[in-house]
């Protein structure tokens, strides 16, 4: 890990325990963008990196119901 991305990676490990595949993916992305972060420090200053490593989560569920005619 690079000096810029190491603290972010440690936060990811703490927040997302038990998800080794996700950890690996984040590490690979952070390693690959380290040169760009050094060249464009505004990405770090504006919190862009913290946002791209936050997984988007969706809760999906179904609620069955019975209408007035007794049909599900």
Protein backbone atom coordinates (compact mmCIF):
# COMPACT_ATOMS: atom_id res chain seq x y z
CA UNK A 1 0.00 0.00 0.00
CA UNK A 2 1.06 3.53 -0.59
CA UNK A 3 1.40 6.23 2.02
CA UNK A 4 -1.76 7.98 0.77
CA UNK A 5 -4.02 4.95 0.57
CA UNK A 6 -2.89 2.92 3.59
CA UNK A 7 -5.13 4.77 6.09
CA UNK A 8 -8.14 4.36 3.79
CA UNK A 9 -7.46 0.65 3.39
CA UNK A 10 -7.25 0.22 7.16
CA UNK A 11 -10.66 1.92 7.51
CA UNK A 12 -12.11 -0.47 4.93
CA UNK A 13 -10.73 -3.47 6.84
CA UNK A 14 -12.27 -2.20 10.08
CA UNK A 15 -15.69 -1.37 8.61
CA UNK A 16 -16.04 -4.49 6.46
CA UNK A 17 -14.76 -7.36 8.58
CA UNK A 18 -15.09 -10.87 7.20
CA UNK A 19 -15.15 -9.82 3.53
CA UNK A 20 -11.75 -10.90 2.17
CA UNK A 21 -12.80 -10.70 -1.50
CA UNK A 22 -13.91 -7.10 -1.01
CA UNK A 23 -10.66 -6.30 0.83
CA UNK A 24 -8.66 -7.72 -2.06
CA UNK A 25 -10.63 -5.72 -4.63
CA UNK A 26 -10.21 -2.48 -2.67
CA UNK A 27 -6.48 -3.09 -2.26
CA UNK A 28 -6.02 -3.67 -5.98
CA UNK A 29 -7.93 -0.50 -6.86
CA UNK A 30 -6.08 1.61 -4.30
CA UNK A 31 -2.72 0.28 -5.50
CA UNK A 32 -3.60 1.09 -9.09
CA UNK A 33 -4.76 4.66 -8.43
CA UNK A 34 -1.94 5.65 -6.08
CA UNK A 35 0.05 7.40 -8.87
CA UNK A 36 -3.00 9.45 -9.85
CA UNK A 37 -3.58 10.43 -6.22
CA UNK A 38 -0.01 11.67 -5.96
CA UNK A 39 -0.45 13.72 -9.14
CA UNK A 40 -3.92 15.04 -8.25
CA UNK A 41 -4.09 15.57 -4.47
CA UNK A 42 -7.53 17.16 -4.80
CA UNK A 43 -9.00 13.62 -5.05
CA UNK A 44 -7.87 12.95 -1.49
CA UNK A 45 -8.71 16.44 -0.25
CA UNK A 46 -12.30 16.14 -1.52
CA UNK A 47 -12.89 12.66 -0.11
CA UNK A 48 -13.30 11.01 -3.51
CA UNK A 49 -11.33 7.90 -2.56
CA UNK A 50 -13.32 7.31 0.62
CA UNK A 51 -16.51 7.39 -1.45
CA UNK A 52 -15.37 4.95 -4.12
CA UNK A 53 -14.37 2.31 -1.56
CA UNK A 54 -17.72 2.42 0.24
CA UNK A 55 -19.82 -0.50 -1.01
CA UNK A 56 -23.28 0.28 -2.24
CA UNK A 57 -25.75 -1.91 -0.42
CA UNK A 58 -29.29 -2.79 -1.37
CA UNK A 59 -31.82 -4.58 0.79
CA UNK A 60 -34.27 -6.48 -1.37
CA UNK A 61 -37.36 -8.14 0.04
CA UNK A 62 -40.81 -9.26 -1.01
CA UNK A 63 -44.06 -8.73 0.89
CA UNK A 64 -46.85 -11.10 -0.13
CA UNK A 65 -50.39 -9.88 0.47
CA UNK A 66 -53.91 -11.10 -0.09
CA UNK A 67 -56.37 -8.91 -1.98
CA UNK A 68 -60.09 -8.54 -1.26
CA UNK A 69 -60.86 -11.57 -3.45
CA UNK A 70 -58.50 -13.81 -1.47
CA UNK A 71 -55.86 -13.94 -4.19
CA UNK A 72 -52.20 -13.78 -3.19
